Amino acid sequence: MAVARNVLIILALAAIVRFAPGGGDTAALVNAILFTLLNVVFVYFGVRFYRERRVDIYGLGDRGRLLLYGGLAAIVLALAATGRWLDSGAGTLVWIALLVGAIAALVTVFRQYREYG
C-alpha cells in the first residue's frame, strides 16, 4: 500500500512539472539548487580532508603533490566538460584518456603514500 502511495505521489509531481505553466523552469531551478548544494558539500569535505591530512600531503614530496593535485584537477575538468567532449568521437577518446591518466596518477600517489607512510 505504501509503495502505491509513493508511486502516485511521484506521478502527481511529474504531472505538475509537465502540465503546469512554468513547471519545467521550476524543475530546472530546483535541479540547479540541488546540484549547487551537492558541489558545496564536496568542497566542504575536500577542505576538511585537506586540513586533517595536511602533514601527510606535504610528506608526499613535490612529485607526489603534483600528481595528486593534477589528478584531481583532471577529474574535475573531465567531469565539468563531459557533455561537450562526449559529443564527438575524438572528444570521447580524449575524455577517456584524461580520466585514465588522472586515475593512474592518483593510484601512483596512493601507492607512494602506502609505501612510505
N, C-alpha and C. Protein backbone atom coordinates (compact mmCIF):
# COMPACT_ATOMS: atom_id res chain seq x y z
N MET A 1 0.82 -1.19 0.00
CA MET A 1 0.00 0.00 0.00
C MET A 1 0.87 1.26 0.00
N ALA A 2 1.94 1.23 0.78
CA ALA A 2 2.82 2.40 0.85
C ALA A 2 3.54 2.62 -0.48
N VAL A 3 3.87 1.54 -1.18
CA VAL A 3 4.55 1.67 -2.46
C VAL A 3 3.62 2.32 -3.48
N ALA A 4 2.36 1.91 -3.49
CA ALA A 4 1.39 2.50 -4.42
C ALA A 4 1.21 3.99 -4.13
N ARG A 5 1.15 4.34 -2.85
CA ARG A 5 1.01 5.75 -2.48
C ARG A 5 2.21 6.55 -2.97
N ASN A 6 3.42 6.02 -2.77
CA ASN A 6 4.63 6.72 -3.20
C ASN A 6 4.68 6.88 -4.73
N VAL A 7 4.26 5.85 -5.45
CA VAL A 7 4.22 5.93 -6.91
C VAL A 7 3.22 7.00 -7.35
N LEU A 8 2.06 7.06 -6.71
CA LEU A 8 1.08 8.09 -7.04
C LEU A 8 1.60 9.49 -6.75
N ILE A 9 2.33 9.66 -5.67
CA ILE A 9 2.92 10.96 -5.35
C ILE A 9 3.91 11.38 -6.43
N ILE A 10 4.76 10.44 -6.85
CA ILE A 10 5.74 10.74 -7.89
C ILE A 10 5.04 11.07 -9.21
N LEU A 11 4.01 10.33 -9.56
CA LEU A 11 3.26 10.61 -10.78
C LEU A 11 2.57 11.97 -10.71
N ALA A 12 2.04 12.33 -9.55
CA ALA A 12 1.40 13.64 -9.39
C ALA A 12 2.41 14.76 -9.55
N LEU A 13 3.58 14.61 -8.95
CA LEU A 13 4.62 15.62 -9.10
C LEU A 13 5.09 15.73 -10.55
N ALA A 14 5.22 14.61 -11.23
CA ALA A 14 5.62 14.63 -12.64
C ALA A 14 4.56 15.31 -13.49
N ALA A 15 3.28 15.08 -13.19
CA ALA A 15 2.20 15.73 -13.93
C ALA A 15 2.21 17.24 -13.70
N ILE A 16 2.50 17.64 -12.48
CA ILE A 16 2.57 19.07 -12.19
C ILE A 16 3.70 19.72 -12.97
N VAL A 17 4.87 19.08 -12.98
CA VAL A 17 6.01 19.62 -13.71
C VAL A 17 5.71 19.67 -15.21
N ARG A 18 5.05 18.65 -15.72
CA ARG A 18 4.79 18.56 -17.16
C ARG A 18 3.72 19.54 -17.62
N PHE A 19 2.62 19.66 -16.88
CA PHE A 19 1.47 20.40 -17.39
C PHE A 19 1.28 21.78 -16.77
N ALA A 20 1.88 22.08 -15.65
CA ALA A 20 1.71 23.40 -15.04
C ALA A 20 2.54 24.43 -15.81
N PRO A 21 2.01 25.64 -15.95
CA PRO A 21 2.79 26.68 -16.64
C PRO A 21 4.06 27.01 -15.83
N GLY A 22 5.19 26.96 -16.50
CA GLY A 22 6.46 27.24 -15.83
C GLY A 22 6.97 26.08 -15.00
N GLY A 23 6.36 24.93 -15.12
CA GLY A 23 6.79 23.77 -14.34
C GLY A 23 8.18 23.30 -14.71
N GLY A 24 8.50 23.33 -16.01
CA GLY A 24 9.82 22.92 -16.45
C GLY A 24 10.90 23.87 -15.96
N ASP A 25 10.59 25.18 -15.95
CA ASP A 25 11.54 26.16 -15.45
C ASP A 25 11.76 25.98 -13.94
N THR A 26 10.69 25.70 -13.24
CA THR A 26 10.81 25.47 -11.79
C THR A 26 11.62 24.22 -11.51
N ALA A 27 11.39 23.18 -12.29
CA ALA A 27 12.17 21.94 -12.12
C ALA A 27 13.64 22.19 -12.41
N ALA A 28 13.94 23.00 -13.42
CA ALA A 28 15.34 23.32 -13.74
C ALA A 28 15.97 24.12 -12.61
N LEU A 29 15.21 25.02 -12.00
CA LEU A 29 15.72 25.80 -10.86
C LEU A 29 16.01 24.89 -9.67
N VAL A 30 15.09 24.00 -9.37
CA VAL A 30 15.31 23.08 -8.25
C VAL A 30 16.51 22.19 -8.52
N ASN A 31 16.66 21.73 -9.77
CA ASN A 31 17.81 20.92 -10.14
C ASN A 31 19.10 21.70 -9.95
N ALA A 32 19.14 22.95 -10.38
CA ALA A 32 20.34 23.77 -10.23
C ALA A 32 20.68 24.00 -8.76
N ILE A 33 19.66 24.23 -7.93
CA ILE A 33 19.89 24.44 -6.49
C ILE A 33 20.46 23.17 -5.86
N LEU A 34 19.89 22.02 -6.18
CA LEU A 34 20.38 20.76 -5.61
C LEU A 34 21.80 20.46 -6.09
N PHE A 35 22.09 20.72 -7.36
CA PHE A 35 23.44 20.49 -7.89
C PHE A 35 24.45 21.41 -7.20
N THR A 36 24.07 22.66 -6.96
CA THR A 36 24.95 23.59 -6.27
C THR A 36 25.21 23.14 -4.83
N LEU A 37 24.16 22.69 -4.15
CA LEU A 37 24.34 22.19 -2.79
C LEU A 37 25.25 20.96 -2.76
N LEU A 38 25.12 20.10 -3.74
CA LEU A 38 25.99 18.93 -3.82
C LEU A 38 27.45 19.35 -4.01
N ASN A 39 27.69 20.33 -4.86
CA ASN A 39 29.05 20.83 -5.05
C ASN A 39 29.60 21.46 -3.78
N VAL A 40 28.77 22.18 -3.05
CA VAL A 40 29.21 22.78 -1.79
C VAL A 40 29.62 21.69 -0.80
N VAL A 41 28.86 20.62 -0.75
CA VAL A 41 29.19 19.51 0.16
C VAL A 41 30.53 18.88 -0.24
N PHE A 42 30.75 18.68 -1.54
CA PHE A 42 32.03 18.12 -1.99
C PHE A 42 33.19 19.02 -1.62
N VAL A 43 33.05 20.31 -1.83
CA VAL A 43 34.12 21.25 -1.48
C VAL A 43 34.36 21.25 0.02
N TYR A 44 33.30 21.22 0.80
CA TYR A 44 33.44 21.21 2.26
C TYR A 44 34.23 19.98 2.72
N PHE A 45 33.88 18.81 2.20
CA PHE A 45 34.60 17.60 2.60
C PHE A 45 36.03 17.62 2.08
N GLY A 46 36.28 18.21 0.92
CA GLY A 46 37.64 18.35 0.42
C GLY A 46 38.49 19.22 1.32
N VAL A 47 37.92 20.34 1.79
CA VAL A 47 38.64 21.23 2.70
C VAL A 47 38.90 20.54 4.02
N ARG A 48 37.90 19.82 4.53
CA ARG A 48 38.08 19.09 5.79
C ARG A 48 39.18 18.04 5.65
N PHE A 49 39.16 17.29 4.55
CA PHE A 49 40.18 16.27 4.33
C PHE A 49 41.56 16.91 4.26
N TYR A 50 41.68 18.03 3.54
CA TYR A 50 42.98 18.69 3.41
C TYR A 50 43.48 19.15 4.77
N ARG A 51 42.62 19.73 5.56
CA ARG A 51 43.04 20.23 6.88
C ARG A 51 43.46 19.10 7.81
N GLU A 52 42.78 17.96 7.72
CA GLU A 52 43.10 16.84 8.59
C GLU A 52 44.35 16.08 8.12
N ARG A 53 44.64 16.10 6.83
CA ARG A 53 45.74 15.32 6.26
C ARG A 53 46.85 16.20 5.68
N ARG A 54 46.96 17.44 6.12
CA ARG A 54 47.93 18.37 5.56
C ARG A 54 49.36 17.85 5.68
N VAL A 55 49.72 17.29 6.83
CA VAL A 55 51.08 16.79 7.04
C VAL A 55 51.36 15.62 6.11
N ASP A 56 50.39 14.72 5.96
CA ASP A 56 50.57 13.58 5.05
C ASP A 56 50.73 14.05 3.61
N ILE A 57 49.97 15.07 3.21
CA ILE A 57 50.05 15.57 1.84
C ILE A 57 51.42 16.20 1.59
N TYR A 58 51.91 16.99 2.54
CA TYR A 58 53.23 17.58 2.37
C TYR A 58 54.33 16.54 2.45
N GLY A 59 54.07 15.43 3.11
CA GLY A 59 55.04 14.35 3.19
C GLY A 59 55.18 13.58 1.88
N LEU A 60 54.30 13.80 0.93
CA LEU A 60 54.39 13.11 -0.36
C LEU A 60 55.55 13.62 -1.20
N GLY A 61 56.02 14.82 -0.91
CA GLY A 61 57.06 15.42 -1.73
C GLY A 61 56.45 16.19 -2.89
N ASP A 62 57.31 16.89 -3.62
CA ASP A 62 56.83 17.73 -4.71
C ASP A 62 56.18 16.91 -5.83
N ARG A 63 56.81 15.81 -6.21
CA ARG A 63 56.27 14.98 -7.29
C ARG A 63 54.92 14.38 -6.90
N GLY A 64 54.82 13.88 -5.68
CA GLY A 64 53.56 13.29 -5.22
C GLY A 64 52.43 14.32 -5.16
N ARG A 65 52.76 15.51 -4.66
CA ARG A 65 51.72 16.55 -4.60
C ARG A 65 51.30 16.99 -6.00
N LEU A 66 52.28 17.07 -6.92
CA LEU A 66 51.95 17.42 -8.30
C LEU A 66 51.00 16.39 -8.91
N LEU A 67 51.30 15.11 -8.70
CA LEU A 67 50.42 14.06 -9.23
C LEU A 67 49.04 14.10 -8.56
N LEU A 68 49.00 14.34 -7.26
CA LEU A 68 47.74 14.39 -6.54
C LEU A 68 46.87 15.54 -7.04
N TYR A 69 47.43 16.74 -7.05
CA TYR A 69 46.65 17.91 -7.46
C TYR A 69 46.32 17.85 -8.95
N GLY A 70 47.26 17.38 -9.76
CA GLY A 70 47.00 17.25 -11.19
C GLY A 70 45.91 16.23 -11.49
N GLY A 71 45.94 15.10 -10.80
CA GLY A 71 44.91 14.08 -10.98
C GLY A 71 43.54 14.57 -10.58
N LEU A 72 43.47 15.26 -9.44
CA LEU A 72 42.18 15.80 -9.01
C LEU A 72 41.68 16.88 -9.96
N ALA A 73 42.58 17.74 -10.44
CA ALA A 73 42.18 18.78 -11.39
C ALA A 73 41.71 18.18 -12.71
N ALA A 74 42.36 17.12 -13.15
CA ALA A 74 41.96 16.47 -14.40
C ALA A 74 40.57 15.85 -14.27
N ILE A 75 40.28 15.26 -13.13
CA ILE A 75 38.95 14.68 -12.92
C ILE A 75 37.89 15.78 -12.91
N VAL A 76 38.17 16.88 -12.23
CA VAL A 76 37.22 18.00 -12.21
C VAL A 76 37.00 18.54 -13.62
N LEU A 77 38.08 18.70 -14.38
CA LEU A 77 37.97 19.19 -15.75
C LEU A 77 37.16 18.23 -16.61
N ALA A 78 37.43 16.94 -16.50
CA ALA A 78 36.72 15.96 -17.31
C ALA A 78 35.23 15.93 -16.96
N LEU A 79 34.92 16.01 -15.68
CA LEU A 79 33.51 15.98 -15.29
C LEU A 79 32.78 17.26 -15.67
N ALA A 80 33.49 18.38 -15.63
CA ALA A 80 32.86 19.65 -15.99
C ALA A 80 32.55 19.73 -17.48
N ALA A 81 33.38 19.11 -18.31
CA ALA A 81 33.21 19.20 -19.76
C ALA A 81 32.67 17.92 -20.38
N THR A 82 32.09 17.05 -19.59
CA THR A 82 31.61 15.76 -20.10
C THR A 82 30.64 15.94 -21.26
N GLY A 83 29.68 16.81 -21.12
CA GLY A 83 28.67 16.98 -22.15
C GLY A 83 29.26 17.40 -23.49
N ARG A 84 30.23 18.28 -23.48
CA ARG A 84 30.83 18.76 -24.73
C ARG A 84 31.75 17.71 -25.33
N TRP A 85 32.54 17.05 -24.50
CA TRP A 85 33.54 16.12 -25.02
C TRP A 85 32.91 14.84 -25.55
N LEU A 86 31.80 14.42 -25.00
CA LEU A 86 31.19 13.17 -25.45
C LEU A 86 30.35 13.35 -26.70
N ASP A 87 30.31 14.56 -27.26
CA ASP A 87 29.55 14.80 -28.49
C ASP A 87 30.30 14.34 -29.73
N SER A 88 31.60 14.15 -29.64
CA SER A 88 32.39 13.74 -30.80
C SER A 88 33.23 12.52 -30.44
N GLY A 89 33.65 11.82 -31.46
CA GLY A 89 34.48 10.62 -31.24
C GLY A 89 35.83 10.96 -30.66
N ALA A 90 36.48 11.98 -31.22
CA ALA A 90 37.80 12.37 -30.72
C ALA A 90 37.70 12.91 -29.30
N GLY A 91 36.65 13.67 -29.02
CA GLY A 91 36.45 14.19 -27.67
C GLY A 91 36.23 13.08 -26.66
N THR A 92 35.53 12.05 -27.08
CA THR A 92 35.31 10.90 -26.19
C THR A 92 36.63 10.21 -25.87
N LEU A 93 37.49 10.06 -26.88
CA LEU A 93 38.79 9.44 -26.64
C LEU A 93 39.65 10.29 -25.71
N VAL A 94 39.64 11.60 -25.90
CA VAL A 94 40.40 12.49 -25.02
C VAL A 94 39.85 12.43 -23.61
N TRP A 95 38.52 12.39 -23.48
CA TRP A 95 37.88 12.33 -22.16
C TRP A 95 38.28 11.05 -21.43
N ILE A 96 38.25 9.93 -22.15
CA ILE A 96 38.63 8.65 -21.53
C ILE A 96 40.11 8.66 -21.16
N ALA A 97 40.96 9.17 -22.05
CA ALA A 97 42.40 9.22 -21.77
C ALA A 97 42.68 10.12 -20.57
N LEU A 98 41.96 11.23 -20.46
CA LEU A 98 42.15 12.13 -19.32
C LEU A 98 41.77 11.45 -18.02
N LEU A 99 40.64 10.76 -18.01
CA LEU A 99 40.23 10.06 -16.79
C LEU A 99 41.18 8.92 -16.44
N VAL A 100 41.62 8.17 -17.43
CA VAL A 100 42.55 7.07 -17.16
C VAL A 100 43.86 7.62 -16.61
N GLY A 101 44.37 8.70 -17.20
CA GLY A 101 45.60 9.31 -16.70
C GLY A 101 45.45 9.85 -15.29
N ALA A 102 44.30 10.47 -15.00
CA ALA A 102 44.07 11.00 -13.67
C ALA A 102 43.99 9.88 -12.64
N ILE A 103 43.31 8.82 -12.98
CA ILE A 103 43.19 7.69 -12.05
C ILE A 103 44.56 7.04 -11.85
N ALA A 104 45.34 6.92 -12.92
CA ALA A 104 46.70 6.36 -12.78
C ALA A 104 47.56 7.23 -11.88
N ALA A 105 47.44 8.55 -12.00
CA ALA A 105 48.20 9.45 -11.14
C ALA A 105 47.79 9.29 -9.68
N LEU A 106 46.49 9.19 -9.43
CA LEU A 106 46.02 9.04 -8.05
C LEU A 106 46.43 7.68 -7.46
N VAL A 107 46.43 6.64 -8.28
CA VAL A 107 46.87 5.32 -7.80
C VAL A 107 48.36 5.37 -7.48
N THR A 108 49.14 6.07 -8.30
CA THR A 108 50.57 6.21 -8.04
C THR A 108 50.81 6.93 -6.71
N VAL A 109 50.05 7.99 -6.47
CA VAL A 109 50.19 8.72 -5.22
C VAL A 109 49.79 7.84 -4.04
N PHE A 110 48.72 7.07 -4.19
CA PHE A 110 48.29 6.19 -3.11
C PHE A 110 49.34 5.14 -2.81
N ARG A 111 49.93 4.57 -3.83
CA ARG A 111 50.98 3.57 -3.61
C ARG A 111 52.19 4.18 -2.92
N GLN A 112 52.56 5.40 -3.33
CA GLN A 112 53.68 6.08 -2.69
C GLN A 112 53.36 6.36 -1.22
N TYR A 113 52.15 6.77 -0.94
CA TYR A 113 51.75 7.05 0.43
C TYR A 113 51.79 5.79 1.27
N ARG A 114 51.29 4.70 0.74
CA ARG A 114 51.27 3.43 1.49
C ARG A 114 52.69 2.88 1.67
N GLU A 115 53.56 3.13 0.74
CA GLU A 115 54.93 2.61 0.82
C GLU A 115 55.75 3.36 1.88
N TYR A 116 55.61 4.67 1.93
CA TYR A 116 56.41 5.47 2.83
C TYR A 116 55.66 5.91 4.07
N GLY A 117 54.33 5.75 4.09
CA GLY A 117 53.52 6.27 5.19
C GLY A 117 53.47 5.44 6.40
